[in-house]
Amino acid sequence: MSTEGFSYAGLGDEAGPGLDAQITAIERLGWRAIELRSVDGVALADLNEADFARVAGRLADAGIGTVCVDSRIANWGRPITTPFEADVAELSALVPRCAALGTRYVRVMSYPNDGLAEPDWRREVLRRMRALAERAEDAGLVLLHENCSGWAGTSADRMLTLLQEVASPALRLVFDTGNGVPYGYSAYDVLARVVGHVAHVQIKDATGDQAAPVYTFPGEGHARVADCLRLLTANGYRGALSIEPHLSVRPHEHRLEAGDDGIGTFVAYGRALERLVADEVLGAERGPGTGTEPVADAVAGKGERL
């Protein structure tokens, strides 16, 4: 489903671990796209060949496309001291699987530190990311760095440095609207600096703070989701908005609360996003302070766009 340039998708395992739940949730929303991270608790790269073929076949039969694959490359579970071979192997495994799913996008992060001095951490992050981007470019894939965990996860300056130093068309950004609250920064302010490099958008929202974030429906938290979407729209973003509710189900925390209807919550979250876009983003008045001004005006003098 799309609305004046936006299309909608969702991280399927936030509706439930099994493929049936993931497909059902997308179909109930009337959407035609999914973002894949895991099936039955198994990361996409770790599925055996038969199970992956079943996933790809079921999605094709349902007419559901894949907008992005969320890998574990450089993520919160793989600090900078983790052997690099783990990430190289995962990317290699995903090359044919992305081709089978019809997507070029692979979500990555940029390695949490593990006791290195900052210059050494930076140097090793850039070395690894250059090597990964080179492999991705050769394979026709694009790595999307998320504003989450790692060296460049929470700083617009570091995100821009990462892009400049790697200098590859195979490295761009995925922006998650809700990550600012749990990581202690203003998502909108970071987005204003990097908006020209965003190729994919994930939707979360939250209240609370870094110590105790409380995830909410979009527009009900402190993440300024509508402002972020207006800013993206004003700067030409016409891609997918992919929901990651973090309410009933949080796969990376092994959380599926007993009695919670993950599918129902996922569908309600998608409907809330559709309403937010219709009511507060599309057709919103443009002007200073609305969050819709082009980035050159919004953050004049605060860094260059590549």
C-alpha atoms as a PDB file:
ATOM      1  CA  MET A   1       0.000   0.000   0.000  1.00  0.00           C
ATOM      2  CA  SER A   2       1.245   3.514  -0.767  1.00  0.00           C
ATOM      3  CA  THR A   3       0.037   7.034  -0.140  1.00  0.00           C
ATOM      4  CA  GLU A   4       1.359   9.842  -2.338  1.00  0.00           C
ATOM      5  CA  GLY A   5       4.871   8.459  -2.512  1.00  0.00           C
ATOM      6  CA  PHE A   6       5.087   6.620   0.790  1.00  0.00           C
ATOM      7  CA  SER A   7       4.757   2.869   0.916  1.00  0.00           C
ATOM      8  CA  TYR A   8       4.150   0.878   4.088  1.00  0.00           C
ATOM      9  CA  ALA A   9       5.873  -2.186   5.462  1.00  0.00           C
ATOM     10  CA  GLY A  10       6.705  -3.737   8.815  1.00  0.00           C
ATOM     11  CA  LEU A  11       9.326  -5.815  10.590  1.00  0.00           C
ATOM     12  CA  GLY A  12       7.433  -9.061  10.454  1.00  0.00           C
ATOM     13  CA  ASP A  13       8.832 -10.653  13.597  1.00  0.00           C
ATOM     14  CA  GLU A  14       7.336  -7.817  15.651  1.00  0.00           C
ATOM     15  CA  ALA A  15       3.933  -9.398  14.897  1.00  0.00           C
ATOM     16  CA  GLY A  16       5.080 -12.867  15.925  1.00  0.00           C
ATOM     17  CA  PRO A  17       7.993 -15.241  15.490  1.00  0.00           C
ATOM     18  CA  GLY A  18       6.354 -17.541  12.943  1.00  0.00           C
ATOM     19  CA  LEU A  19       5.956 -16.792   9.253  1.00  0.00           C
ATOM     20  CA  ASP A  20       2.188 -17.374   9.442  1.00  0.00           C
ATOM     21  CA  ALA A  21       1.821 -14.544  11.967  1.00  0.00           C
ATOM     22  CA  GLN A  22       4.077 -12.249   9.972  1.00  0.00           C
ATOM     23  CA  ILE A  23       2.198 -12.754   6.714  1.00  0.00           C
ATOM     24  CA  THR A  24      -1.195 -12.534   8.419  1.00  0.00           C
ATOM     25  CA  ALA A  25      -0.322  -9.183  10.003  1.00  0.00           C
ATOM     26  CA  ILE A  26       0.827  -7.671   6.708  1.00  0.00           C
ATOM     27  CA  GLU A  27      -2.232  -8.998   4.884  1.00  0.00           C
ATOM     28  CA  ARG A  28      -4.662  -7.673   7.497  1.00  0.00           C
ATOM     29  CA  LEU A  29      -3.198  -4.221   6.963  1.00  0.00           C
ATOM     30  CA  GLY A  30      -3.627  -4.565   3.223  1.00  0.00           C
ATOM     31  CA  TRP A  31       0.085  -3.867   2.757  1.00  0.00           C
ATOM     32  CA  ARG A  32       2.302  -5.599   0.229  1.00  0.00           C
ATOM     33  CA  ALA A  33       5.740  -5.394   1.829  1.00  0.00           C
ATOM     34  CA  ILE A  34       7.638  -6.820   4.783  1.00  0.00           C
ATOM     35  CA  GLU A  35      11.007  -6.199   6.423  1.00  0.00           C
ATOM     36  CA  LEU A  36      12.633  -9.492   7.373  1.00  0.00           C
ATOM     37  CA  ARG A  37      14.786 -10.071  10.442  1.00  0.00           C
ATOM     38  CA  SER A  38      14.009 -13.541  11.780  1.00  0.00           C
ATOM     39  CA  VAL A  39      11.602 -16.434  11.355  1.00  0.00           C
ATOM     40  CA  ASP A  40      10.817 -18.737  14.275  1.00  0.00           C
ATOM     41  CA  GLY A  41      13.534 -16.969  16.228  1.00  0.00           C
ATOM     42  CA  VAL A  42      16.212 -17.765  13.625  1.00  0.00           C
ATOM     43  CA  ALA A  43      18.053 -14.945  11.841  1.00  0.00           C
ATOM     44  CA  LEU A  44      17.498 -14.928   8.099  1.00  0.00           C
ATOM     45  CA  ALA A  45      21.153 -15.736   7.368  1.00  0.00           C
ATOM     46  CA  ASP A  46      21.014 -18.777   9.686  1.00  0.00           C
ATOM     47  CA  LEU A  47      17.950 -20.470   8.188  1.00  0.00           C
ATOM     48  CA  ASN A  48      18.793 -23.710   6.456  1.00  0.00           C
ATOM     49  CA  GLU A  49      18.232 -23.828   2.711  1.00  0.00           C
ATOM     50  CA  ALA A  50      14.909 -25.630   2.924  1.00  0.00           C
ATOM     51  CA  ASP A  51      13.495 -23.225   5.515  1.00  0.00           C
ATOM     52  CA  PHE A  52      14.654 -20.189   3.573  1.00  0.00           C
ATOM     53  CA  ALA A  53      13.122 -21.558   0.372  1.00  0.00           C
ATOM     54  CA  ARG A  54       9.850 -22.000   2.271  1.00  0.00           C
ATOM     55  CA  VAL A  55       9.968 -18.382   3.478  1.00  0.00           C
ATOM     56  CA  ALA A  56      10.722 -16.986   0.027  1.00  0.00           C
ATOM     57  CA  GLY A  57       8.060 -19.161  -1.562  1.00  0.00           C
ATOM     58  CA  ARG A  58       5.360 -18.259   0.940  1.00  0.00           C
ATOM     59  CA  LEU A  59       6.030 -14.545   0.546  1.00  0.00           C
ATOM     60  CA  ALA A  60       5.956 -14.813  -3.232  1.00  0.00           C
ATOM     61  CA  ASP A  61       2.688 -16.744  -3.123  1.00  0.00           C
ATOM     62  CA  ALA A  62       1.190 -14.049  -0.881  1.00  0.00           C
ATOM     63  CA  GLY A  63       2.376 -11.280  -3.194  1.00  0.00           C
ATOM     64  CA  ILE A  64       4.443  -9.707  -0.399  1.00  0.00           C
ATOM     65  CA  GLY A  65       7.724  -8.050  -1.336  1.00  0.00           C
ATOM     66  CA  THR A  66      10.720  -7.534   0.940  1.00  0.00           C
ATOM     67  CA  VAL A  67      11.878  -3.950   1.439  1.00  0.00           C
ATOM     68  CA  CYS A  68      14.937  -4.698   3.584  1.00  0.00           C
ATOM     69  CA  VAL A  69      16.725  -7.509   5.412  1.00  0.00           C
ATOM     70  CA  ASP A  70      17.827  -6.705   8.972  1.00  0.00           C
ATOM     71  CA  SER A  71      21.176  -8.376   9.582  1.00  0.00           C
ATOM     72  CA  ARG A  72      23.240  -8.701  12.738  1.00  0.00           C
ATOM     73  CA  ILE A  73      26.268  -7.186  11.014  1.00  0.00           C
ATOM     74  CA  ALA A  74      28.069  -4.788  13.387  1.00  0.00           C
ATOM     75  CA  ASN A  75      25.046  -4.695  15.697  1.00  0.00           C
ATOM     76  CA  TRP A  76      24.717  -4.492  19.477  1.00  0.00           C
ATOM     77  CA  GLY A  77      25.568  -8.195  19.793  1.00  0.00           C
ATOM     78  CA  ARG A  78      28.816  -7.896  17.829  1.00  0.00           C
ATOM     79  CA  PRO A  79      31.162  -5.352  19.401  1.00  0.00           C
ATOM     80  CA  ILE A  80      34.304  -4.198  17.656  1.00  0.00           C
ATOM     81  CA  THR A  81      36.338  -7.052  19.180  1.00  0.00           C
ATOM     82  CA  THR A  82      34.135  -9.719  17.552  1.00  0.00           C
ATOM     83  CA  PRO A  83      35.990 -11.567  14.803  1.00  0.00           C
ATOM     84  CA  PHE A  84      35.271  -9.802  11.518  1.00  0.00           C
ATOM     85  CA  GLU A  85      34.743 -13.162   9.827  1.00  0.00           C
ATOM     86  CA  ALA A  86      31.301 -13.436  11.435  1.00  0.00           C
ATOM     87  CA  ASP A  87      30.070 -10.370   9.562  1.00  0.00           C
ATOM     88  CA  VAL A  88      31.732 -11.335   6.302  1.00  0.00           C
ATOM     89  CA  ALA A  89      30.091 -14.745   6.508  1.00  0.00           C
ATOM     90  CA  GLU A  90      26.665 -13.268   7.240  1.00  0.00           C
ATOM     91  CA  LEU A  91      26.888 -10.846   4.328  1.00  0.00           C
ATOM     92  CA  SER A  92      27.975 -13.681   2.033  1.00  0.00           C
ATOM     93  CA  ALA A  93      24.996 -15.767   3.152  1.00  0.00           C
ATOM     94  CA  LEU A  94      22.607 -12.891   2.515  1.00  0.00           C
ATOM     95  CA  VAL A  95      23.762 -12.142  -1.040  1.00  0.00           C
ATOM     96  CA  PRO A  96      21.759 -14.936  -2.722  1.00  0.00           C
ATOM     97  CA  ARG A  97      18.918 -14.602  -0.225  1.00  0.00           C
ATOM     98  CA  CYS A  98      18.448 -10.912  -0.958  1.00  0.00           C
ATOM     99  CA  ALA A  99      18.416 -11.750  -4.659  1.00  0.00           C
ATOM    100  CA  ALA A 100      15.748 -14.393  -4.077  1.00  0.00           C
ATOM    101  CA  LEU A 101      13.657 -11.920  -2.062  1.00  0.00           C
ATOM    102  CA  GLY A 102      14.107  -9.085  -4.547  1.00  0.00           C
ATOM    103  CA  THR A 103      15.731  -6.589  -2.193  1.00  0.00           C
ATOM    104  CA  ARG A 104      19.092  -4.791  -2.310  1.00  0.00           C
ATOM    105  CA  TYR A 105      18.922  -3.367   1.224  1.00  0.00           C
ATOM    106  CA  VAL A 106      20.692  -4.902   4.239  1.00  0.00           C
ATOM    107  CA  ARG A 107      20.425  -3.160   7.625  1.00  0.00           C
ATOM    108  CA  VAL A 108      23.712  -2.896   9.537  1.00  0.00           C
ATOM    109  CA  MET A 109      25.132  -0.958  12.504  1.00  0.00           C
ATOM    110  CA  SER A 110      28.672   0.210  13.332  1.00  0.00           C
ATOM    111  CA  TYR A 111      30.128  -1.889  16.152  1.00  0.00           C
ATOM    112  CA  PRO A 112      29.744  -0.986  19.839  1.00  0.00           C
ATOM    113  CA  ASN A 113      33.062  -0.408  21.554  1.00  0.00           C
ATOM    114  CA  ASP A 114      34.663  -3.053  23.748  1.00  0.00           C
ATOM    115  CA  GLY A 115      37.514  -1.391  25.576  1.00  0.00           C
ATOM    116  CA  LEU A 116      39.348   0.219  22.668  1.00  0.00           C
ATOM    117  CA  ALA A 117      40.594   3.784  22.774  1.00  0.00           C
ATOM    118  CA  GLU A 118      38.367   6.008  20.631  1.00  0.00           C
ATOM    119  CA  PRO A 119      40.910   6.484  17.801  1.00  0.00           C
ATOM    120  CA  ASP A 120      41.454   2.725  17.591  1.00  0.00           C
ATOM    121  CA  TRP A 121      37.706   2.056  17.681  1.00  0.00           C
ATOM    122  CA  ARG A 122      37.112   4.593  14.888  1.00  0.00           C
ATOM    123  CA  ARG A 123      39.936   3.206  12.759  1.00  0.00           C
ATOM    124  CA  GLU A 124      38.736  -0.389  13.012  1.00  0.00           C
ATOM    125  CA  VAL A 125      35.089   0.537  12.379  1.00  0.00           C
ATOM    126  CA  LEU A 126      36.043   2.384   9.206  1.00  0.00           C
ATOM    127  CA  ARG A 127      38.293  -0.450   8.049  1.00  0.00           C
ATOM    128  CA  ARG A 128      35.553  -3.024   8.492  1.00  0.00           C
ATOM    129  CA  MET A 129      32.833  -0.893   6.970  1.00  0.00           C
ATOM    130  CA  ARG A 130      34.946  -0.172   3.886  1.00  0.00           C
ATOM    131  CA  ALA A 131      35.530  -3.883   3.421  1.00  0.00           C
ATOM    132  CA  LEU A 132      31.849  -4.718   3.891  1.00  0.00           C
ATOM    133  CA  ALA A 133      30.726  -1.953   1.515  1.00  0.00           C
ATOM    134  CA  GLU A 134      33.149  -3.192  -1.132  1.00  0.00           C
ATOM    135  CA  ARG A 135      31.703  -6.692  -0.860  1.00  0.00           C
ATOM    136  CA  ALA A 136      28.159  -5.328  -0.922  1.00  0.00           C
ATOM    137  CA  GLU A 137      28.852  -3.192  -3.988  1.00  0.00           C
ATOM    138  CA  ASP A 138      30.300  -6.178  -5.831  1.00  0.00           C
ATOM    139  CA  ALA A 139      27.140  -8.132  -5.007  1.00  0.00           C
ATOM    140  CA  GLY A 140      24.737  -5.349  -6.001  1.00  0.00           C
ATOM    141  CA  LEU A 141      23.600  -4.736  -2.404  1.00  0.00           C
ATOM    142  CA  VAL A 142      23.339  -1.563  -0.337  1.00  0.00           C
ATOM    143  CA  LEU A 143      24.200  -1.548   3.361  1.00  0.00           C
ATOM    144  CA  LEU A 144      21.916   0.706   5.385  1.00  0.00           C
ATOM    145  CA  HIS A 145      23.472   1.956   8.618  1.00  0.00           C
ATOM    146  CA  GLU A 146      20.933   2.421  11.415  1.00  0.00           C
ATOM    147  CA  ASN A 147      20.983   5.227  13.976  1.00  0.00           C
ATOM    148  CA  CYS A 148      21.279   2.720  16.774  1.00  0.00           C
ATOM    149  CA  SER A 149      24.190   0.885  18.348  1.00  0.00           C
ATOM    150  CA  GLY A 150      27.812   1.445  17.388  1.00  0.00           C
ATOM    151  CA  TRP A 151      30.433   4.074  16.676  1.00  0.00           C
ATOM    152  CA  ALA A 152      28.213   6.137  14.354  1.00  0.00           C
ATOM    153  CA  GLY A 153      24.884   5.157  15.892  1.00  0.00           C
ATOM    154  CA  THR A 154      23.892   8.304  17.776  1.00  0.00           C
ATOM    155  CA  SER A 155      25.945  11.123  16.237  1.00  0.00           C
ATOM    156  CA  ALA A 156      25.150  12.936  12.999  1.00  0.00           C
ATOM    157  CA  ASP A 157      28.801  13.980  12.743  1.00  0.00           C
ATOM    158  CA  ARG A 158      29.937  10.364  12.929  1.00  0.00           C
ATOM    159  CA  MET A 159      27.266   9.207  10.471  1.00  0.00           C
ATOM    160  CA  LEU A 160      28.486  11.771   7.974  1.00  0.00           C
ATOM    161  CA  THR A 161      32.109  10.827   8.657  1.00  0.00           C
ATOM    162  CA  LEU A 162      31.271   7.169   8.106  1.00  0.00           C
ATOM    163  CA  LEU A 163      29.661   7.929   4.757  1.00  0.00           C
ATOM    164  CA  GLN A 164      32.485  10.224   3.691  1.00  0.00           C
ATOM    165  CA  GLU A 165      35.297   7.886   4.738  1.00  0.00           C
ATOM    166  CA  VAL A 166      33.752   4.741   3.246  1.00  0.00           C
ATOM    167  CA  ALA A 167      32.759   6.712   0.138  1.00  0.00           C
ATOM    168  CA  SER A 168      30.725   3.932  -1.459  1.00  0.00           C
ATOM    169  CA  PRO A 169      27.335   3.917  -3.173  1.00  0.00           C
ATOM    170  CA  ALA A 170      26.796   0.669  -1.275  1.00  0.00           C
ATOM    171  CA  LEU A 171      26.513   2.475   2.077  1.00  0.00           C
ATOM    172  CA  ARG A 172      23.549   4.668   2.979  1.00  0.00           C
ATOM    173  CA  LEU A 173      21.355   5.192   6.042  1.00  0.00           C
ATOM    174  CA  VAL A 174      18.219   3.684   7.527  1.00  0.00           C
ATOM    175  CA  PHE A 175      16.615   6.073  10.003  1.00  0.00           C
ATOM    176  CA  ASP A 176      14.601   4.805  12.979  1.00  0.00           C
ATOM    177  CA  THR A 177      12.436   7.583  14.392  1.00  0.00           C
ATOM    178  CA  GLY A 178      12.207   6.025  17.849  1.00  0.00           C
ATOM    179  CA  ASN A 179      15.854   5.338  18.654  1.00  0.00           C
ATOM    180  CA  GLY A 180      16.601   8.764  20.085  1.00  0.00           C
ATOM    181  CA  VAL A 181      14.722   8.153  23.335  1.00  0.00           C
ATOM    182  CA  PRO A 182      16.472   4.906  24.406  1.00  0.00           C
ATOM    183  CA  TYR A 183      19.850   6.174  23.197  1.00  0.00           C
ATOM    184  CA  GLY A 184      19.563   9.662  24.682  1.00  0.00           C
ATOM    185  CA  TYR A 185      19.558  12.005  21.680  1.00  0.00           C
ATOM    186  CA  SER A 186      17.082  14.001  19.593  1.00  0.00           C
ATOM    187  CA  ALA A 187      16.150  11.888  16.584  1.00  0.00           C
ATOM    188  CA  TYR A 188      14.766  14.903  14.750  1.00  0.00           C
ATOM    189  CA  ASP A 189      17.953  16.924  15.202  1.00  0.00           C
ATOM    190  CA  VAL A 190      20.074  14.038  13.917  1.00  0.00           C
ATOM    191  CA  LEU A 191      17.715  13.455  10.996  1.00  0.00           C
ATOM    192  CA  ALA A 192      17.939  17.117   9.990  1.00  0.00           C
ATOM    193  CA  ARG A 193      21.682  16.669   9.517  1.00  0.00           C
ATOM    194  CA  VAL A 194      21.578  13.400   7.550  1.00  0.00           C
ATOM    195  CA  VAL A 195      18.213  13.419   5.781  1.00  0.00           C
ATOM    196  CA  GLY A 196      19.740  13.508   2.306  1.00  0.00           C
ATOM    197  CA  HIS A 197      21.377  10.126   2.877  1.00  0.00           C
ATOM    198  CA  VAL A 198      18.318   8.239   4.174  1.00  0.00           C
ATOM    199  CA  ALA A 199      17.223   5.363   1.935  1.00  0.00           C
ATOM    200  CA  HIS A 200      14.796   3.621   4.311  1.00  0.00           C
ATOM    201  CA  VAL A 201      12.751   4.576   7.386  1.00  0.00           C
ATOM    202  CA  GLN A 202      11.679   2.549  10.412  1.00  0.00           C
ATOM    203  CA  ILE A 203       8.908   3.834  12.661  1.00  0.00           C
ATOM    204  CA  LYS A 204       9.033   3.630  16.462  1.00  0.00           C
ATOM    205  CA  ASP A 205       7.996   6.071  19.174  1.00  0.00           C
ATOM    206  CA  ALA A 206       8.661   6.202  22.911  1.00  0.00           C
ATOM    207  CA  THR A 207       8.388   8.183  26.107  1.00  0.00           C
ATOM    208  CA  GLY A 208      10.607   7.885  29.161  1.00  0.00           C
ATOM    209  CA  ASP A 209      14.351   8.231  28.904  1.00  0.00           C
ATOM    210  CA  GLN A 210      17.539   6.343  28.188  1.00  0.00           C
ATOM    211  CA  ALA A 211      17.303   4.419  31.449  1.00  0.00           C
ATOM    212  CA  ALA A 212      13.656   3.431  31.065  1.00  0.00           C
ATOM    213  CA  PRO A 213      12.140   3.933  27.600  1.00  0.00           C
ATOM    214  CA  VAL A 214       8.436   3.190  27.242  1.00  0.00           C
ATOM    215  CA  TYR A 215       7.388   2.413  23.684  1.00  0.00           C
ATOM    216  CA  THR A 216       4.155   3.903  22.376  1.00  0.00           C
ATOM    217  CA  PHE A 217       2.003   4.087  19.292  1.00  0.00           C
ATOM    218  CA  PRO A 218       3.371   6.515  16.667  1.00  0.00           C
ATOM    219  CA  GLY A 219       2.645  10.124  17.566  1.00  0.00           C
ATOM    220  CA  GLU A 220       2.022   9.360  21.241  1.00  0.00           C
ATOM    221  CA  GLY A 221       5.647   9.568  22.384  1.00  0.00           C
ATOM    222  CA  HIS A 222       8.495  12.056  22.389  1.00  0.00           C
ATOM    223  CA  ALA A 223      10.151  11.028  19.117  1.00  0.00           C
ATOM    224  CA  ARG A 224       8.475  13.736  16.995  1.00  0.00           C
ATOM    225  CA  VAL A 225       7.460  11.128  14.444  1.00  0.00           C
ATOM    226  CA  ALA A 226       5.213  13.482  12.459  1.00  0.00           C
ATOM    227  CA  ASP A 227       7.912  16.163  12.375  1.00  0.00           C
ATOM    228  CA  CYS A 228      10.443  13.599  11.160  1.00  0.00           C
ATOM    229  CA  LEU A 229       8.089  12.448   8.404  1.00  0.00           C
ATOM    230  CA  ARG A 230       7.371  16.019   7.317  1.00  0.00           C
ATOM    231  CA  LEU A 231      11.095  16.707   7.165  1.00  0.00           C
ATOM    232  CA  LEU A 232      11.684  13.564   5.120  1.00  0.00           C
ATOM    233  CA  THR A 233       8.847  14.431   2.756  1.00  0.00           C
ATOM    234  CA  ALA A 234      10.073  17.988   2.264  1.00  0.00           C
ATOM    235  CA  ASN A 235      13.506  16.669   1.376  1.00  0.00           C
ATOM    236  CA  GLY A 236      12.276  14.220  -1.221  1.00  0.00           C
ATOM    237  CA  TYR A 237      11.968  10.932   0.649  1.00  0.00           C
ATOM    238  CA  ARG A 238       9.481   8.692  -1.176  1.00  0.00           C
ATOM    239  CA  GLY A 239      10.385   5.271   0.173  1.00  0.00           C
ATOM    240  CA  ALA A 240       8.953   2.845   2.689  1.00  0.00           C
ATOM    241  CA  LEU A 241       7.817   3.525   6.241  1.00  0.00           C
ATOM    242  CA  SER A 242       8.407   0.261   8.080  1.00  0.00           C
ATOM    243  CA  ILE A 243       6.841  -0.202  11.509  1.00  0.00           C
ATOM    244  CA  GLU A 244       8.786  -1.692  14.430  1.00  0.00           C
ATOM    245  CA  PRO A 245       6.285  -1.312  17.282  1.00  0.00           C
ATOM    246  CA  HIS A 246       8.341  -2.771  20.157  1.00  0.00           C
ATOM    247  CA  LEU A 247       5.071  -3.237  22.077  1.00  0.00           C
ATOM    248  CA  SER A 248       3.884  -6.836  22.464  1.00  0.00           C
ATOM    249  CA  VAL A 249       6.887  -8.398  20.749  1.00  0.00           C
ATOM    250  CA  ARG A 250      10.576  -7.495  20.881  1.00  0.00           C
ATOM    251  CA  PRO A 251      12.397 -10.402  19.227  1.00  0.00           C
ATOM    252  CA  HIS A 252      15.934  -9.318  20.111  1.00  0.00           C
ATOM    253  CA  GLU A 253      14.870  -9.221  23.772  1.00  0.00           C
ATOM    254  CA  HIS A 254      13.134 -12.611  23.406  1.00  0.00           C
ATOM    255  CA  ARG A 255       9.941 -10.913  24.491  1.00  0.00           C
ATOM    256  CA  LEU A 256       6.514 -12.263  23.574  1.00  0.00           C
ATOM    257  CA  GLU A 257       4.264 -11.630  26.535  1.00  0.00           C
ATOM    258  CA  ALA A 258       1.811 -14.389  27.399  1.00  0.00           C
ATOM    259  CA  GLY A 259      -1.694 -13.453  26.303  1.00  0.00           C
ATOM    260  CA  ASP A 260      -0.589 -10.565  24.106  1.00  0.00           C
ATOM    261  CA  ASP A 261      -2.004 -10.529  20.596  1.00  0.00           C
ATOM    262  CA  GLY A 262       1.092  -9.655  18.617  1.00  0.00           C
ATOM    263  CA  ILE A 263      -0.781  -9.597  15.318  1.00  0.00           C
ATOM    264  CA  GLY A 264      -3.532  -7.373  16.699  1.00  0.00           C
ATOM    265  CA  THR A 265      -1.069  -4.917  18.187  1.00  0.00           C
ATOM    266  CA  PHE A 266       0.954  -4.842  14.969  1.00  0.00           C
ATOM    267  CA  VAL A 267      -2.162  -4.122  12.899  1.00  0.00           C
ATOM    268  CA  ALA A 268      -3.341  -1.412  15.308  1.00  0.00           C
ATOM    269  CA  TYR A 269       0.112   0.171  15.120  1.00  0.00           C
ATOM    270  CA  GLY A 270       0.006   0.182  11.325  1.00  0.00           C
ATOM    271  CA  ARG A 271      -3.411   1.821  11.323  1.00  0.00           C
ATOM    272  CA  ALA A 272      -2.150   4.459  13.771  1.00  0.00           C
ATOM    273  CA  LEU A 273       0.724   5.258  11.423  1.00  0.00           C
ATOM    274  CA  GLU A 274      -1.620   5.552   8.449  1.00  0.00           C
ATOM    275  CA  ARG A 275      -3.779   8.017  10.413  1.00  0.00           C
ATOM    276  CA  LEU A 276      -0.742  10.005  11.525  1.00  0.00           C
ATOM    277  CA  VAL A 277       0.483  10.321   7.941  1.00  0.00           C
ATOM    278  CA  ALA A 278      -2.966  11.285   6.641  1.00  0.00           C
ATOM    279  CA  ASP A 279      -3.758  13.768   9.419  1.00  0.00           C
ATOM    280  CA  GLU A 280      -0.401  15.331  10.275  1.00  0.00           C
ATOM    281  CA  VAL A 281       2.006  14.783   7.395  1.00  0.00           C
ATOM    282  CA  LEU A 282       0.307  14.889   4.012  1.00  0.00           C
ATOM    283  CA  GLY A 283      -0.939  18.347   3.170  1.00  0.00           C
ATOM    284  CA  ALA A 284       0.500  19.848   6.346  1.00  0.00           C
ATOM    285  CA  GLU A 285       1.173  23.562   6.147  1.00  0.00           C
ATOM    286  CA  ARG A 286       4.777  24.320   5.357  1.00  0.00           C
ATOM    287  CA  GLY A 287       6.779  26.957   7.066  1.00  0.00           C
ATOM    288  CA  PRO A 288       9.255  27.715   9.837  1.00  0.00           C
ATOM    289  CA  GLY A 289       8.893  25.545  12.897  1.00  0.00           C
ATOM    290  CA  THR A 290       6.668  22.918  11.305  1.00  0.00           C
ATOM    291  CA  GLY A 291       9.404  20.393  10.700  1.00  0.00           C
ATOM    292  CA  THR A 292       8.778  20.594   6.946  1.00  0.00           C
ATOM    293  CA  GLU A 293      11.386  23.096   5.830  1.00  0.00           C
ATOM    294  CA  PRO A 294      14.130  21.793   3.525  1.00  0.00           C
ATOM    295  CA  VAL A 295      17.201  20.683   5.375  1.00  0.00           C
ATOM    296  CA  ALA A 296      19.325  23.499   3.970  1.00  0.00           C
ATOM    297  CA  ASP A 297      17.027  25.948   5.761  1.00  0.00           C
ATOM    298  CA  ALA A 298      16.398  23.844   8.841  1.00  0.00           C
ATOM    299  CA  VAL A 299      20.047  23.349   9.717  1.00  0.00           C
ATOM    300  CA  ALA A 300      21.906  26.027   7.787  1.00  0.00           C
ATOM    301  CA  GLY A 301      25.604  25.772   8.427  1.00  0.00           C
ATOM    302  CA  LYS A 302      25.406  22.444  10.273  1.00  0.00           C
ATOM    303  CA  GLY A 303      27.362  20.138   7.994  1.00  0.00           C
ATOM    304  CA  GLU A 304      27.270  19.206   4.352  1.00  0.00           C
ATOM    305  CA  ARG A 305      25.166  16.727   2.493  1.00  0.00           C
ATOM    306  CA  LEU A 306      27.194  14.307   0.391  1.00  0.00           C
END
